[in-house]
Amino acid sequence: MHEMAITVGIIDLCLQHAAGRRVRSIDVEIGNLSSVVPEAIEFCFDACSRDTLLEGASLAIFRIAGQGECLECGATTPMAELFAACQECGSNRVTITVGEELRVREIEVED
Protein backbone atom coordinates (compact mmCIF):
# COMPACT_ATOMS: atom_id res chain seq x y z
CA MET A 1 0.00 0.00 0.00
CA HIS A 2 1.90 3.05 -1.22
CA GLU A 3 -0.83 5.32 0.18
CA MET A 4 0.77 4.99 3.64
CA ALA A 5 4.02 6.50 2.33
CA ILE A 6 2.06 9.19 0.47
CA THR A 7 0.13 10.06 3.63
CA VAL A 8 3.37 10.32 5.63
CA GLY A 9 4.71 12.65 2.92
CA ILE A 10 1.59 14.83 3.10
CA ILE A 11 1.90 15.03 6.89
CA ASP A 12 5.62 15.87 6.72
CA LEU A 13 4.92 18.64 4.20
CA CYS A 14 2.17 20.10 6.40
CA LEU A 15 4.34 19.97 9.51
CA GLN A 16 7.12 21.75 7.68
CA HIS A 17 4.82 24.56 6.53
CA ALA A 18 2.96 24.80 9.85
CA ALA A 19 6.20 25.92 11.53
CA GLY A 20 5.37 24.47 14.95
CA ARG A 21 1.68 25.46 14.98
CA ARG A 22 -1.16 22.97 15.35
CA VAL A 23 -2.87 22.15 12.06
CA ARG A 24 -6.67 22.37 12.07
CA SER A 25 -7.42 21.16 8.57
CA ILE A 26 -5.85 20.30 5.25
CA ASP A 27 -7.27 20.14 1.75
CA VAL A 28 -5.70 17.68 -0.67
CA GLU A 29 -6.34 17.32 -4.42
CA ILE A 30 -6.06 13.83 -5.89
CA GLY A 31 -6.46 13.24 -9.61
CA ASN A 32 -8.60 10.32 -10.69
CA LEU A 33 -5.75 9.18 -12.97
CA SER A 34 -3.05 9.38 -10.28
CA SER A 35 -3.33 5.73 -9.13
CA VAL A 36 -3.80 7.00 -5.57
CA VAL A 37 -6.82 5.68 -3.68
CA PRO A 38 -8.40 8.58 -1.75
CA GLU A 39 -10.15 6.25 0.69
CA ALA A 40 -6.80 4.70 1.61
CA ILE A 41 -5.33 8.16 2.27
CA GLU A 42 -8.29 8.92 4.56
CA PHE A 43 -7.81 5.60 6.34
CA CYS A 44 -4.07 6.17 6.87
CA PHE A 45 -4.38 9.82 7.89
CA ASP A 46 -5.61 9.25 11.45
CA ALA A 47 -2.94 6.68 12.23
CA CYS A 48 -0.11 8.62 10.59
CA SER A 49 -1.03 11.94 12.21
CA ARG A 50 -1.26 10.52 15.73
CA ASP A 51 1.09 12.25 18.18
CA THR A 52 1.87 15.04 15.70
CA LEU A 53 0.61 18.61 15.31
CA LEU A 54 -1.88 17.23 12.78
CA GLU A 55 -3.62 14.91 15.25
CA GLY A 56 -7.34 15.69 15.15
CA ALA A 57 -7.07 17.81 11.99
CA SER A 58 -9.78 17.40 9.40
CA LEU A 59 -8.78 16.09 5.99
CA ALA A 60 -10.76 17.11 2.91
CA ILE A 61 -9.97 15.33 -0.33
CA PHE A 62 -10.98 16.87 -3.63
CA ARG A 63 -11.02 14.54 -6.63
CA ILE A 64 -9.88 15.94 -9.96
CA ALA A 65 -11.46 14.43 -13.07
CA GLY A 66 -9.20 13.18 -15.83
CA GLN A 67 -8.92 15.08 -19.09
CA GLY A 68 -6.72 14.76 -22.15
CA GLU A 69 -5.91 16.27 -25.49
CA CYS A 70 -6.21 14.15 -28.62
CA LEU A 71 -3.09 14.21 -30.79
CA GLU A 72 -5.14 13.26 -33.87
CA CYS A 73 -8.07 15.71 -33.87
CA GLY A 74 -6.98 18.19 -31.19
CA ALA A 75 -10.12 17.72 -29.11
CA THR A 76 -10.16 18.01 -25.32
CA THR A 77 -11.66 14.78 -24.04
CA PRO A 78 -12.67 13.50 -20.60
CA MET A 79 -10.68 10.50 -19.38
CA ALA A 80 -12.00 7.99 -16.86
CA GLU A 81 -8.89 5.79 -17.17
CA LEU A 82 -5.25 6.25 -18.12
CA PHE A 83 -5.49 4.92 -21.68
CA ALA A 84 -8.93 6.19 -22.65
CA ALA A 85 -9.69 6.87 -26.30
CA CYS A 86 -10.70 10.28 -27.62
CA GLN A 87 -14.47 10.66 -27.38
CA GLU A 88 -14.50 12.72 -30.58
CA CYS A 89 -12.55 10.57 -33.06
CA GLY A 90 -11.79 7.34 -31.16
CA SER A 91 -8.01 7.69 -31.40
CA ASN A 92 -5.89 6.25 -28.61
CA ARG A 93 -3.27 8.97 -29.11
CA VAL A 94 -4.41 11.07 -26.15
CA THR A 95 -2.10 13.02 -23.85
CA ILE A 96 -3.24 13.47 -20.26
CA THR A 97 -3.56 17.15 -19.35
CA VAL A 98 -5.48 16.95 -16.05
CA GLY A 99 -6.09 14.20 -13.52
CA GLU A 100 -2.66 13.06 -12.32
CA GLU A 101 -2.48 15.66 -9.53
CA LEU A 102 -1.56 14.92 -5.96
CA ARG A 103 -1.10 18.13 -4.00
CA VAL A 104 -1.86 19.80 -0.72
CA ARG A 105 -4.12 22.69 -1.69
CA GLU A 106 -4.57 24.38 1.69
CA ILE A 107 -3.41 24.10 5.29
CA GLU A 108 -5.28 25.81 8.12
CA VAL A 109 -3.20 26.32 11.27
CA GLU A 110 -3.95 27.76 14.70
CA ASP A 111 -2.64 31.22 15.48
C-alpha atoms as a PDB file:
ATOM      1  CA  MET A   1       0.000   0.000   0.000  1.00  0.00           C
ATOM      2  CA  HIS A   2       1.896   3.053  -1.224  1.00  0.00           C
ATOM      3  CA  GLU A   3      -0.825   5.316   0.182  1.00  0.00           C
ATOM      4  CA  MET A   4       0.770   4.987   3.644  1.00  0.00           C
ATOM      5  CA  ALA A   5       4.018   6.503   2.332  1.00  0.00           C
ATOM      6  CA  ILE A   6       2.065   9.191   0.474  1.00  0.00           C
ATOM      7  CA  THR A   7       0.132  10.061   3.633  1.00  0.00           C
ATOM      8  CA  VAL A   8       3.366  10.323   5.628  1.00  0.00           C
ATOM      9  CA  GLY A   9       4.710  12.649   2.915  1.00  0.00           C
ATOM     10  CA  ILE A  10       1.592  14.832   3.101  1.00  0.00           C
ATOM     11  CA  ILE A  11       1.897  15.032   6.890  1.00  0.00           C
ATOM     12  CA  ASP A  12       5.616  15.870   6.718  1.00  0.00           C
ATOM     13  CA  LEU A  13       4.918  18.643   4.200  1.00  0.00           C
ATOM     14  CA  CYS A  14       2.170  20.099   6.396  1.00  0.00           C
ATOM     15  CA  LEU A  15       4.343  19.969   9.505  1.00  0.00           C
ATOM     16  CA  GLN A  16       7.121  21.755   7.680  1.00  0.00           C
ATOM     17  CA  HIS A  17       4.823  24.560   6.530  1.00  0.00           C
ATOM     18  CA  ALA A  18       2.961  24.802   9.848  1.00  0.00           C
ATOM     19  CA  ALA A  19       6.204  25.916  11.531  1.00  0.00           C
ATOM     20  CA  GLY A  20       5.372  24.470  14.947  1.00  0.00           C
ATOM     21  CA  ARG A  21       1.678  25.462  14.975  1.00  0.00           C
ATOM     22  CA  ARG A  22      -1.159  22.974  15.353  1.00  0.00           C
ATOM     23  CA  VAL A  23      -2.866  22.149  12.056  1.00  0.00           C
ATOM     24  CA  ARG A  24      -6.674  22.369  12.074  1.00  0.00           C
ATOM     25  CA  SER A  25      -7.416  21.161   8.567  1.00  0.00           C
ATOM     26  CA  ILE A  26      -5.852  20.304   5.248  1.00  0.00           C
ATOM     27  CA  ASP A  27      -7.270  20.144   1.751  1.00  0.00           C
ATOM     28  CA  VAL A  28      -5.704  17.679  -0.673  1.00  0.00           C
ATOM     29  CA  GLU A  29      -6.339  17.317  -4.415  1.00  0.00           C
ATOM     30  CA  ILE A  30      -6.063  13.825  -5.891  1.00  0.00           C
ATOM     31  CA  GLY A  31      -6.459  13.245  -9.613  1.00  0.00           C
ATOM     32  CA  ASN A  32      -8.601  10.315 -10.694  1.00  0.00           C
ATOM     33  CA  LEU A  33      -5.752   9.178 -12.969  1.00  0.00           C
ATOM     34  CA  SER A  34      -3.054   9.377 -10.276  1.00  0.00           C
ATOM     35  CA  SER A  35      -3.331   5.734  -9.132  1.00  0.00           C
ATOM     36  CA  VAL A  36      -3.798   6.998  -5.565  1.00  0.00           C
ATOM     37  CA  VAL A  37      -6.824   5.678  -3.682  1.00  0.00           C
ATOM     38  CA  PRO A  38      -8.399   8.582  -1.746  1.00  0.00           C
ATOM     39  CA  GLU A  39     -10.152   6.254   0.694  1.00  0.00           C
ATOM     40  CA  ALA A  40      -6.798   4.701   1.608  1.00  0.00           C
ATOM     41  CA  ILE A  41      -5.331   8.162   2.269  1.00  0.00           C
ATOM     42  CA  GLU A  42      -8.287   8.916   4.559  1.00  0.00           C
ATOM     43  CA  PHE A  43      -7.807   5.601   6.337  1.00  0.00           C
ATOM     44  CA  CYS A  44      -4.066   6.172   6.867  1.00  0.00           C
ATOM     45  CA  PHE A  45      -4.377   9.819   7.894  1.00  0.00           C
ATOM     46  CA  ASP A  46      -5.609   9.255  11.454  1.00  0.00           C
ATOM     47  CA  ALA A  47      -2.941   6.676  12.231  1.00  0.00           C
ATOM     48  CA  CYS A  48      -0.109   8.617  10.594  1.00  0.00           C
ATOM     49  CA  SER A  49      -1.031  11.941  12.212  1.00  0.00           C
ATOM     50  CA  ARG A  50      -1.263  10.517  15.734  1.00  0.00           C
ATOM     51  CA  ASP A  51       1.088  12.248  18.185  1.00  0.00           C
ATOM     52  CA  THR A  52       1.868  15.045  15.700  1.00  0.00           C
ATOM     53  CA  LEU A  53       0.614  18.611  15.314  1.00  0.00           C
ATOM     54  CA  LEU A  54      -1.885  17.226  12.776  1.00  0.00           C
ATOM     55  CA  GLU A  55      -3.615  14.913  15.248  1.00  0.00           C
ATOM     56  CA  GLY A  56      -7.340  15.693  15.147  1.00  0.00           C
ATOM     57  CA  ALA A  57      -7.070  17.806  11.993  1.00  0.00           C
ATOM     58  CA  SER A  58      -9.777  17.398   9.400  1.00  0.00           C
ATOM     59  CA  LEU A  59      -8.784  16.087   5.987  1.00  0.00           C
ATOM     60  CA  ALA A  60     -10.762  17.113   2.913  1.00  0.00           C
ATOM     61  CA  ILE A  61      -9.970  15.332  -0.328  1.00  0.00           C
ATOM     62  CA  PHE A  62     -10.985  16.873  -3.633  1.00  0.00           C
ATOM     63  CA  ARG A  63     -11.023  14.539  -6.627  1.00  0.00           C
ATOM     64  CA  ILE A  64      -9.885  15.942  -9.957  1.00  0.00           C
ATOM     65  CA  ALA A  65     -11.460  14.433 -13.071  1.00  0.00           C
ATOM     66  CA  GLY A  66      -9.199  13.182 -15.825  1.00  0.00           C
ATOM     67  CA  GLN A  67      -8.925  15.075 -19.091  1.00  0.00           C
ATOM     68  CA  GLY A  68      -6.723  14.760 -22.147  1.00  0.00           C
ATOM     69  CA  GLU A  69      -5.910  16.268 -25.495  1.00  0.00           C
ATOM     70  CA  CYS A  70      -6.208  14.152 -28.621  1.00  0.00           C
ATOM     71  CA  LEU A  71      -3.085  14.210 -30.790  1.00  0.00           C
ATOM     72  CA  GLU A  72      -5.142  13.262 -33.868  1.00  0.00           C
ATOM     73  CA  CYS A  73      -8.066  15.710 -33.873  1.00  0.00           C
ATOM     74  CA  GLY A  74      -6.978  18.190 -31.186  1.00  0.00           C
ATOM     75  CA  ALA A  75     -10.117  17.720 -29.111  1.00  0.00           C
ATOM     76  CA  THR A  76     -10.163  18.008 -25.324  1.00  0.00           C
ATOM     77  CA  THR A  77     -11.656  14.784 -24.035  1.00  0.00           C
ATOM     78  CA  PRO A  78     -12.672  13.498 -20.600  1.00  0.00           C
ATOM     79  CA  MET A  79     -10.682  10.496 -19.376  1.00  0.00           C
ATOM     80  CA  ALA A  80     -11.997   7.992 -16.856  1.00  0.00           C
ATOM     81  CA  GLU A  81      -8.891   5.792 -17.167  1.00  0.00           C
ATOM     82  CA  LEU A  82      -5.245   6.246 -18.125  1.00  0.00           C
ATOM     83  CA  PHE A  83      -5.493   4.916 -21.677  1.00  0.00           C
ATOM     84  CA  ALA A  84      -8.928   6.192 -22.647  1.00  0.00           C
ATOM     85  CA  ALA A  85      -9.686   6.870 -26.300  1.00  0.00           C
ATOM     86  CA  CYS A  86     -10.703  10.277 -27.619  1.00  0.00           C
ATOM     87  CA  GLN A  87     -14.465  10.659 -27.380  1.00  0.00           C
ATOM     88  CA  GLU A  88     -14.501  12.721 -30.582  1.00  0.00           C
ATOM     89  CA  CYS A  89     -12.547  10.572 -33.060  1.00  0.00           C
ATOM     90  CA  GLY A  90     -11.795   7.337 -31.162  1.00  0.00           C
ATOM     91  CA  SER A  91      -8.014   7.692 -31.402  1.00  0.00           C
ATOM     92  CA  ASN A  92      -5.885   6.248 -28.613  1.00  0.00           C
ATOM     93  CA  ARG A  93      -3.275   8.973 -29.110  1.00  0.00           C
ATOM     94  CA  VAL A  94      -4.413  11.068 -26.148  1.00  0.00           C
ATOM     95  CA  THR A  95      -2.098  13.016 -23.852  1.00  0.00           C
ATOM     96  CA  ILE A  96      -3.238  13.471 -20.256  1.00  0.00           C
ATOM     97  CA  THR A  97      -3.558  17.147 -19.348  1.00  0.00           C
ATOM     98  CA  VAL A  98      -5.480  16.947 -16.054  1.00  0.00           C
ATOM     99  CA  GLY A  99      -6.087  14.201 -13.525  1.00  0.00           C
ATOM    100  CA  GLU A 100      -2.664  13.058 -12.324  1.00  0.00           C
ATOM    101  CA  GLU A 101      -2.476  15.663  -9.535  1.00  0.00           C
ATOM    102  CA  LEU A 102      -1.561  14.923  -5.964  1.00  0.00           C
ATOM    103  CA  ARG A 103      -1.098  18.126  -3.998  1.00  0.00           C
ATOM    104  CA  VAL A 104      -1.857  19.803  -0.719  1.00  0.00           C
ATOM    105  CA  ARG A 105      -4.116  22.690  -1.690  1.00  0.00           C
ATOM    106  CA  GLU A 106      -4.571  24.384   1.694  1.00  0.00           C
ATOM    107  CA  ILE A 107      -3.414  24.099   5.288  1.00  0.00           C
ATOM    108  CA  GLU A 108      -5.279  25.815   8.125  1.00  0.00           C
ATOM    109  CA  VAL A 109      -3.200  26.324  11.268  1.00  0.00           C
ATOM    110  CA  GLU A 110      -3.949  27.756  14.701  1.00  0.00           C
ATOM    111  CA  ASP A 111      -2.643  31.219  15.478  1.00  0.00           C
END
